[in-house]
Amino acid sequence: MTALPNTGASGGNPLAAASGVAVLVGIGLIVSGITRSRRVKS
């Protein structure tokens, strides 16, 4: 994994950056799952 640039929100904390990425990935998976279910139903 590549190091993410330090932002004001994370304060350069690796754990905060990792958790932020995990949240973004989780949201992406949820959105993709919803779109897939909608496509199947339609």
Protein backbone atom coordinates (compact mmCIF):
# COMPACT_ATOMS: atom_id res chain seq x y z
CA MET A 1 0.00 0.00 0.00
CA THR A 2 1.24 3.47 -0.83
CA ALA A 3 1.36 6.17 1.81
CA LEU A 4 -1.41 8.73 1.55
CA PRO A 5 -0.51 12.44 1.68
CA ASN A 6 -1.05 14.02 5.09
CA THR A 7 -4.31 15.96 5.32
CA GLY A 8 -5.64 18.29 8.01
CA ALA A 9 -8.46 15.88 8.84
CA SER A 10 -6.22 12.86 9.45
CA GLY A 11 -3.46 14.94 11.02
CA GLY A 12 -0.92 12.55 9.48
CA ASN A 13 -2.29 9.65 11.53
CA PRO A 14 -1.90 6.36 9.56
CA LEU A 15 -4.81 4.76 11.41
CA ALA A 16 -7.10 7.69 10.62
CA ALA A 17 -6.07 7.59 6.96
CA ALA A 18 -6.61 3.81 6.79
CA SER A 19 -10.02 4.09 8.43
CA GLY A 20 -10.98 6.86 6.02
CA VAL A 21 -10.02 4.69 3.05
CA ALA A 22 -11.94 1.75 4.54
CA VAL A 23 -15.06 3.92 4.89
CA LEU A 24 -14.77 5.09 1.26
CA VAL A 25 -14.33 1.51 0.06
CA GLY A 26 -17.30 0.37 2.15
CA ILE A 27 -19.51 3.11 0.70
CA GLY A 28 -18.38 2.15 -2.80
CA LEU A 29 -19.27 -1.49 -2.19
CA ILE A 30 -22.70 -0.56 -0.81
CA VAL A 31 -23.46 1.73 -3.76
CA SER A 32 -22.32 -0.90 -6.27
CA GLY A 33 -24.45 -3.51 -4.49
CA ILE A 34 -27.52 -1.26 -4.63
CA THR A 35 -27.01 -0.53 -8.32
CA ARG A 36 -26.57 -4.23 -9.05
CA SER A 37 -29.77 -5.16 -7.19
CA ARG A 38 -31.67 -2.43 -9.04
CA ARG A 39 -30.40 -3.71 -12.39
CA VAL A 40 -31.44 -7.27 -11.56
CA LYS A 41 -34.93 -6.20 -10.42
CA SER A 42 -35.56 -4.02 -13.48
